[in-house]
All heavy atoms as atom14 arrays in JSON, in Angstrom:
{
  "sequence": "HFTEIRKIVRAAHEKAGLSDHYSVYHMVAGGP",
  "atom14_mask": [
    [1, 1, 1, 1, 1, 1, 1, 1, 1, 1, 0, 0, 0, 0],
    [1, 1, 1, 1, 1, 1, 1, 1, 1, 1, 1, 0, 0, 0],
    [1, 1, 1, 1, 1, 1, 1, 0, 0, 0, 0, 0, 0, 0],
    [1, 1, 1, 1, 1, 1, 1, 1, 1, 0, 0, 0, 0, 0],
    [1, 1, 1, 1, 1, 1, 1, 1, 0, 0, 0, 0, 0, 0],
    [1, 1, 1, 1, 1, 1, 1, 1, 1, 1, 1, 0, 0, 0],
    [1, 1, 1, 1, 1, 1, 1, 1, 1, 0, 0, 0, 0, 0],
    [1, 1, 1, 1, 1, 1, 1, 1, 0, 0, 0, 0, 0, 0],
    [1, 1, 1, 1, 1, 1, 1, 0, 0, 0, 0, 0, 0, 0],
    [1, 1, 1, 1, 1, 1, 1, 1, 1, 1, 1, 0, 0, 0],
    [1, 1, 1, 1, 1, 0, 0, 0, 0, 0, 0, 0, 0, 0],
    [1, 1, 1, 1, 1, 0, 0, 0, 0, 0, 0, 0, 0, 0],
    [1, 1, 1, 1, 1, 1, 1, 1, 1, 1, 0, 0, 0, 0],
    [1, 1, 1, 1, 1, 1, 1, 1, 1, 0, 0, 0, 0, 0],
    [1, 1, 1, 1, 1, 1, 1, 1, 1, 0, 0, 0, 0, 0],
    [1, 1, 1, 1, 1, 0, 0, 0, 0, 0, 0, 0, 0, 0],
    [1, 1, 1, 1, 0, 0, 0, 0, 0, 0, 0, 0, 0, 0],
    [1, 1, 1, 1, 1, 1, 1, 1, 0, 0, 0, 0, 0, 0],
    [1, 1, 1, 1, 1, 1, 0, 0, 0, 0, 0, 0, 0, 0],
    [1, 1, 1, 1, 1, 1, 1, 1, 0, 0, 0, 0, 0, 0],
    [1, 1, 1, 1, 1, 1, 1, 1, 1, 1, 0, 0, 0, 0],
    [1, 1, 1, 1, 1, 1, 1, 1, 1, 1, 1, 1, 0, 0],
    [1, 1, 1, 1, 1, 1, 0, 0, 0, 0, 0, 0, 0, 0],
    [1, 1, 1, 1, 1, 1, 1, 0, 0, 0, 0, 0, 0, 0],
    [1, 1, 1, 1, 1, 1, 1, 1, 1, 1, 1, 1, 0, 0],
    [1, 1, 1, 1, 1, 1, 1, 1, 1, 1, 0, 0, 0, 0],
    [1, 1, 1, 1, 1, 1, 1, 1, 0, 0, 0, 0, 0, 0],
    [1, 1, 1, 1, 1, 1, 1, 0, 0, 0, 0, 0, 0, 0],
    [1, 1, 1, 1, 1, 0, 0, 0, 0, 0, 0, 0, 0, 0],
    [1, 1, 1, 1, 0, 0, 0, 0, 0, 0, 0, 0, 0, 0],
    [1, 1, 1, 1, 0, 0, 0, 0, 0, 0, 0, 0, 0, 0],
    [1, 1, 1, 1, 1, 1, 1, 0, 0, 0, 0, 0, 0, 0]
  ],
  "atom14_positions": [
    [[0.21, 4.25, 11.43], [0.27, 2.79, 11.61], [-0.06, 2.11, 10.27], [0.6, 1.16, 9.87], [-0.7, 2.33, 12.7], [-0.46, 0.95, 13.21], [-1.24, 0.39, 14.18], [0.43, 0.01, 12.85], [-0.8, -0.86, 14.43], [0.2, -1.1, 13.61], [0.0, 0.0, 0.0], [0.0, 0.0, 0.0], [0.0, 0.0, 0.0], [0.0, 0.0, 0.0]],
    [[-1.12, 2.61, 9.58], [-1.51, 2.08, 8.29], [-0.36, 2.2, 7.28], [-0.03, 1.29, 6.56], [-2.73, 2.77, 7.77], [-3.17, 2.42, 6.36], [-3.88, 1.28, 6.12], [-2.78, 3.24, 5.3], [-4.23, 0.94, 4.82], [-3.12, 2.9, 3.98], [-3.84, 1.75, 3.76], [0.0, 0.0, 0.0], [0.0, 0.0, 0.0], [0.0, 0.0, 0.0]],
    [[0.26, 3.39, 7.26], [1.37, 3.64, 6.35], [2.53, 2.7, 6.62], [3.1, 2.14, 5.64], [1.85, 5.1, 6.51], [0.81, 6.01, 6.16], [3.06, 5.38, 5.6], [0.0, 0.0, 0.0], [0.0, 0.0, 0.0], [0.0, 0.0, 0.0], [0.0, 0.0, 0.0], [0.0, 0.0, 0.0], [0.0, 0.0, 0.0], [0.0, 0.0, 0.0]],
    [[2.85, 2.49, 7.84], [3.93, 1.59, 8.22], [3.65, 0.15, 7.7], [4.53, -0.47, 7.1], [4.08, 1.54, 9.75], [5.09, 0.52, 10.24], [5.04, 0.29, 11.73], [4.25, 0.95, 12.43], [5.78, -0.59, 12.21], [0.0, 0.0, 0.0], [0.0, 0.0, 0.0], [0.0, 0.0, 0.0], [0.0, 0.0, 0.0], [0.0, 0.0, 0.0]],
    [[2.44, -0.33, 7.91], [2.1, -1.7, 7.48], [2.09, -1.81, 6.0], [2.57, -2.82, 5.41], [0.73, -2.1, 8.08], [0.78, -2.15, 9.58], [0.24, -3.4, 7.53], [1.87, -3.08, 10.13], [0.0, 0.0, 0.0], [0.0, 0.0, 0.0], [0.0, 0.0, 0.0], [0.0, 0.0, 0.0], [0.0, 0.0, 0.0], [0.0, 0.0, 0.0]],
    [[1.56, -0.81, 5.27], [1.53, -0.89, 3.81], [2.94, -0.86, 3.21], [3.2, -1.41, 2.15], [0.64, 0.2, 3.25], [-0.81, 0.13, 3.52], [-1.45, -1.2, 3.21], [-1.18, -1.67, 1.88], [-1.71, -2.8, 1.36], [-2.45, -3.56, 2.1], [-1.43, -3.17, 0.13], [0.0, 0.0, 0.0], [0.0, 0.0, 0.0], [0.0, 0.0, 0.0]],
    [[3.86, -0.17, 3.88], [5.26, -0.18, 3.42], [5.86, -1.58, 3.59], [6.63, -2.03, 2.75], [6.07, 0.86, 4.15], [5.79, 2.3, 3.72], [6.65, 3.28, 4.46], [6.46, 4.72, 3.95], [7.28, 5.7, 4.68], [0.0, 0.0, 0.0], [0.0, 0.0, 0.0], [0.0, 0.0, 0.0], [0.0, 0.0, 0.0], [0.0, 0.0, 0.0]],
    [[5.49, -2.24, 4.65], [5.97, -3.62, 4.88], [5.39, -4.54, 3.81], [6.13, -5.4, 3.27], [5.55, -4.08, 6.29], [6.32, -3.32, 7.36], [5.79, -5.59, 6.45], [5.89, -3.62, 8.8], [0.0, 0.0, 0.0], [0.0, 0.0, 0.0], [0.0, 0.0, 0.0], [0.0, 0.0, 0.0], [0.0, 0.0, 0.0], [0.0, 0.0, 0.0]],
    [[4.12, -4.34, 3.5], [3.46, -5.18, 2.48], [4.08, -4.94, 1.11], [4.37, -5.89, 0.35], [1.93, -4.87, 2.45], [1.31, -5.5, 1.21], [1.28, -5.34, 3.71], [0.0, 0.0, 0.0], [0.0, 0.0, 0.0], [0.0, 0.0, 0.0], [0.0, 0.0, 0.0], [0.0, 0.0, 0.0], [0.0, 0.0, 0.0], [0.0, 0.0, 0.0]],
    [[4.34, -3.69, 0.78], [5.0, -3.39, -0.5], [6.36, -3.98, -0.59], [6.73, -4.55, -1.63], [5.07, -1.88, -0.7], [5.92, -1.51, -1.93], [6.0, -0.03, -2.16], [7.04, 0.25, -3.1], [7.06, 1.28, -3.96], [6.05, 2.14, -3.96], [8.05, 1.48, -4.76], [0.0, 0.0, 0.0], [0.0, 0.0, 0.0], [0.0, 0.0, 0.0]],
    [[7.15, -3.88, 0.48], [8.5, -4.43, 0.48], [8.46, -5.94, 0.27], [9.32, -6.49, -0.44], [9.19, -4.1, 1.79], [0.0, 0.0, 0.0], [0.0, 0.0, 0.0], [0.0, 0.0, 0.0], [0.0, 0.0, 0.0], [0.0, 0.0, 0.0], [0.0, 0.0, 0.0], [0.0, 0.0, 0.0], [0.0, 0.0, 0.0], [0.0, 0.0, 0.0]],
    [[7.46, -6.61, 0.84], [7.33, -8.05, 0.65], [6.99, -8.39, -0.78], [7.48, -9.38, -1.37], [6.25, -8.61, 1.59], [0.0, 0.0, 0.0], [0.0, 0.0, 0.0], [0.0, 0.0, 0.0], [0.0, 0.0, 0.0], [0.0, 0.0, 0.0], [0.0, 0.0, 0.0], [0.0, 0.0, 0.0], [0.0, 0.0, 0.0], [0.0, 0.0, 0.0]],
    [[6.15, -7.56, -1.43], [5.8, -7.76, -2.85], [7.07, -7.63, -3.7], [7.28, -8.42, -4.61], [4.78, -6.7, -3.27], [3.36, -7.09, -3.03], [2.83, -7.18, -1.73], [2.36, -7.44, -3.86], [1.54, -7.54, -1.85], [1.23, -7.72, -3.1], [0.0, 0.0, 0.0], [0.0, 0.0, 0.0], [0.0, 0.0, 0.0], [0.0, 0.0, 0.0]],
    [[7.86, -6.6, -3.41], [9.06, -6.39, -4.2], [10.05, -7.54, -3.98], [10.67, -8.01, -4.98], [9.68, -5.06, -3.79], [8.84, -3.85, -4.2], [9.41, -2.55, -3.67], [10.18, -2.62, -2.65], [9.08, -1.49, -4.2], [0.0, 0.0, 0.0], [0.0, 0.0, 0.0], [0.0, 0.0, 0.0], [0.0, 0.0, 0.0], [0.0, 0.0, 0.0]],
    [[10.22, -7.97, -2.76], [11.17, -9.07, -2.48], [10.77, -10.34, -3.17], [11.62, -11.08, -3.7], [11.28, -9.24, -0.99], [12.32, -10.28, -0.56], [12.41, -10.41, 0.95], [13.48, -11.43, 1.35], [13.57, -11.52, 2.84], [0.0, 0.0, 0.0], [0.0, 0.0, 0.0], [0.0, 0.0, 0.0], [0.0, 0.0, 0.0], [0.0, 0.0, 0.0]],
    [[9.45, -10.61, -3.17], [8.94, -11.85, -3.79], [8.79, -11.7, -5.29], [8.56, -12.71, -5.96], [7.62, -12.24, -3.13], [0.0, 0.0, 0.0], [0.0, 0.0, 0.0], [0.0, 0.0, 0.0], [0.0, 0.0, 0.0], [0.0, 0.0, 0.0], [0.0, 0.0, 0.0], [0.0, 0.0, 0.0], [0.0, 0.0, 0.0], [0.0, 0.0, 0.0]],
    [[8.88, -10.45, -5.82], [8.68, -10.25, -7.25], [7.31, -10.63, -7.76], [7.19, -11.24, -8.83], [0.0, 0.0, 0.0], [0.0, 0.0, 0.0], [0.0, 0.0, 0.0], [0.0, 0.0, 0.0], [0.0, 0.0, 0.0], [0.0, 0.0, 0.0], [0.0, 0.0, 0.0], [0.0, 0.0, 0.0], [0.0, 0.0, 0.0], [0.0, 0.0, 0.0]],
    [[6.29, -10.25, -6.98], [4.91, -10.64, -7.34], [4.46, -9.88, -8.57], [4.94, -8.78, -8.9], [4.0, -10.34, -6.15], [4.34, -11.08, -4.86], [3.28, -10.82, -3.79], [4.51, -12.58, -5.09], [0.0, 0.0, 0.0], [0.0, 0.0, 0.0], [0.0, 0.0, 0.0], [0.0, 0.0, 0.0], [0.0, 0.0, 0.0], [0.0, 0.0, 0.0]],
    [[3.48, -10.48, -9.29], [3.03, -9.95, -10.56], [1.82, -9.03, -10.5], [1.37, -8.55, -11.53], [2.76, -11.12, -11.51], [1.71, -11.95, -10.97], [0.0, 0.0, 0.0], [0.0, 0.0, 0.0], [0.0, 0.0, 0.0], [0.0, 0.0, 0.0], [0.0, 0.0, 0.0], [0.0, 0.0, 0.0], [0.0, 0.0, 0.0], [0.0, 0.0, 0.0]],
    [[1.23, -8.86, -9.32], [0.04, -8.03, -9.26], [0.4, -6.52, -9.25], [1.57, -6.16, -9.22], [-0.78, -8.39, -8.04], [0.01, -8.29, -6.72], [1.26, -8.25, -6.79], [-0.62, -8.21, -5.66], [0.0, 0.0, 0.0], [0.0, 0.0, 0.0], [0.0, 0.0, 0.0], [0.0, 0.0, 0.0], [0.0, 0.0, 0.0], [0.0, 0.0, 0.0]],
    [[-0.63, -5.72, -9.33], [-0.51, -4.25, -9.39], [-1.54, -3.64, -8.47], [-2.66, -4.11, -8.43], [-0.72, -3.72, -10.81], [0.06, -4.44, -11.84], [1.27, -3.97, -12.34], [-0.15, -5.6, -12.5], [1.74, -4.8, -13.25], [0.89, -5.83, -13.38], [0.0, 0.0, 0.0], [0.0, 0.0, 0.0], [0.0, 0.0, 0.0], [0.0, 0.0, 0.0]],
    [[-1.17, -2.57, -7.76], [-2.2, -1.89, -6.97], [-1.77, -0.44, -6.7], [-0.58, -0.1, -6.71], [-2.51, -2.62, -5.67], [-1.37, -2.78, -4.7], [-0.99, -1.74, -3.84], [-0.68, -3.97, -4.61], [0.04, -1.87, -2.95], [0.38, -4.13, -3.7], [0.74, -3.08, -2.89], [1.77, -3.22, -1.98], [0.0, 0.0, 0.0], [0.0, 0.0, 0.0]],
    [[-2.76, 0.4, -6.47], [-2.51, 1.79, -6.14], [-3.28, 2.14, -4.87], [-4.45, 1.76, -4.73], [-2.98, 2.7, -7.29], [-2.23, 2.44, -8.48], [0.0, 0.0, 0.0], [0.0, 0.0, 0.0], [0.0, 0.0, 0.0], [0.0, 0.0, 0.0], [0.0, 0.0, 0.0], [0.0, 0.0, 0.0], [0.0, 0.0, 0.0], [0.0, 0.0, 0.0]],
    [[-2.69, 2.93, -4.01], [-3.28, 3.28, -2.71], [-3.62, 4.76, -2.7], [-2.78, 5.59, -3.12], [-2.32, 2.97, -1.57], [-2.96, 3.33, -0.2], [-1.93, 1.48, -1.58], [0.0, 0.0, 0.0], [0.0, 0.0, 0.0], [0.0, 0.0, 0.0], [0.0, 0.0, 0.0], [0.0, 0.0, 0.0], [0.0, 0.0, 0.0], [0.0, 0.0, 0.0]],
    [[-4.84, 5.08, -2.25], [-5.31, 6.48, -2.17], [-5.84, 6.77, -0.76], [-6.39, 5.87, -0.09], [-6.44, 6.73, -3.19], [-5.89, 7.04, -4.57], [-5.59, 6.02, -5.44], [-5.72, 8.34, -4.99], [-5.1, 6.27, -6.73], [-5.22, 8.62, -6.28], [-4.93, 7.59, -7.11], [-4.41, 7.88, -8.36], [0.0, 0.0, 0.0], [0.0, 0.0, 0.0]],
    [[-5.69, 8.0, -0.35], [-6.14, 8.46, 0.97], [-7.18, 9.58, 0.76], [-6.93, 10.55, 0.04], [-4.94, 8.99, 1.74], [-5.27, 9.56, 3.08], [-4.59, 10.64, 3.66], [-6.25, 9.21, 3.97], [-5.12, 10.9, 4.8], [-6.16, 10.07, 5.05], [0.0, 0.0, 0.0], [0.0, 0.0, 0.0], [0.0, 0.0, 0.0], [0.0, 0.0, 0.0]],
    [[-8.35, 9.45, 1.4], [-9.34, 10.49, 1.3], [-8.91, 11.73, 2.06], [-8.52, 11.71, 3.22], [-10.69, 10.01, 1.88], [-11.76, 11.07, 1.92], [-13.4, 10.36, 2.33], [-14.02, 10.08, 0.66], [0.0, 0.0, 0.0], [0.0, 0.0, 0.0], [0.0, 0.0, 0.0], [0.0, 0.0, 0.0], [0.0, 0.0, 0.0], [0.0, 0.0, 0.0]],
    [[-9.01, 12.91, 1.34], [-8.64, 14.18, 1.96], [-9.83, 15.13, 2.05], [-9.75, 16.14, 2.76], [-7.51, 14.85, 1.16], [-6.24, 14.03, 1.24], [-7.89, 15.09, -0.31], [0.0, 0.0, 0.0], [0.0, 0.0, 0.0], [0.0, 0.0, 0.0], [0.0, 0.0, 0.0], [0.0, 0.0, 0.0], [0.0, 0.0, 0.0], [0.0, 0.0, 0.0]],
    [[-10.94, 14.81, 1.38], [-12.15, 15.66, 1.46], [-13.36, 14.85, 1.03], [-13.26, 13.98, 0.18], [-12.0, 16.89, 0.58], [0.0, 0.0, 0.0], [0.0, 0.0, 0.0], [0.0, 0.0, 0.0], [0.0, 0.0, 0.0], [0.0, 0.0, 0.0], [0.0, 0.0, 0.0], [0.0, 0.0, 0.0], [0.0, 0.0, 0.0], [0.0, 0.0, 0.0]],
    [[-14.5, 15.17, 1.6], [-15.72, 14.49, 1.23], [-16.1, 13.31, 2.11], [-17.12, 12.64, 1.89], [0.0, 0.0, 0.0], [0.0, 0.0, 0.0], [0.0, 0.0, 0.0], [0.0, 0.0, 0.0], [0.0, 0.0, 0.0], [0.0, 0.0, 0.0], [0.0, 0.0, 0.0], [0.0, 0.0, 0.0], [0.0, 0.0, 0.0], [0.0, 0.0, 0.0]],
    [[-15.31, 13.08, 3.14], [-15.56, 11.93, 4.04], [-14.48, 11.85, 5.08], [-13.61, 12.74, 5.18], [0.0, 0.0, 0.0], [0.0, 0.0, 0.0], [0.0, 0.0, 0.0], [0.0, 0.0, 0.0], [0.0, 0.0, 0.0], [0.0, 0.0, 0.0], [0.0, 0.0, 0.0], [0.0, 0.0, 0.0], [0.0, 0.0, 0.0], [0.0, 0.0, 0.0]],
    [[-14.51, 10.8, 5.89], [-13.49, 10.68, 6.96], [-12.07, 10.52, 6.41], [-11.84, 9.78, 5.42], [-13.93, 9.42, 7.7], [-14.75, 8.63, 6.72], [-15.42, 9.66, 5.87], [0.0, 0.0, 0.0], [0.0, 0.0, 0.0], [0.0, 0.0, 0.0], [0.0, 0.0, 0.0], [0.0, 0.0, 0.0], [0.0, 0.0, 0.0], [0.0, 0.0, 0.0]]
  ]
}
């Protein structure tokens, strides 16, 4: 569900040509 929403958010950024930058990470060890 999170992945689906973040793809929608990214597509909106691309369509609007926004100037910000961000990187998304997923924890795989050391916590939930």
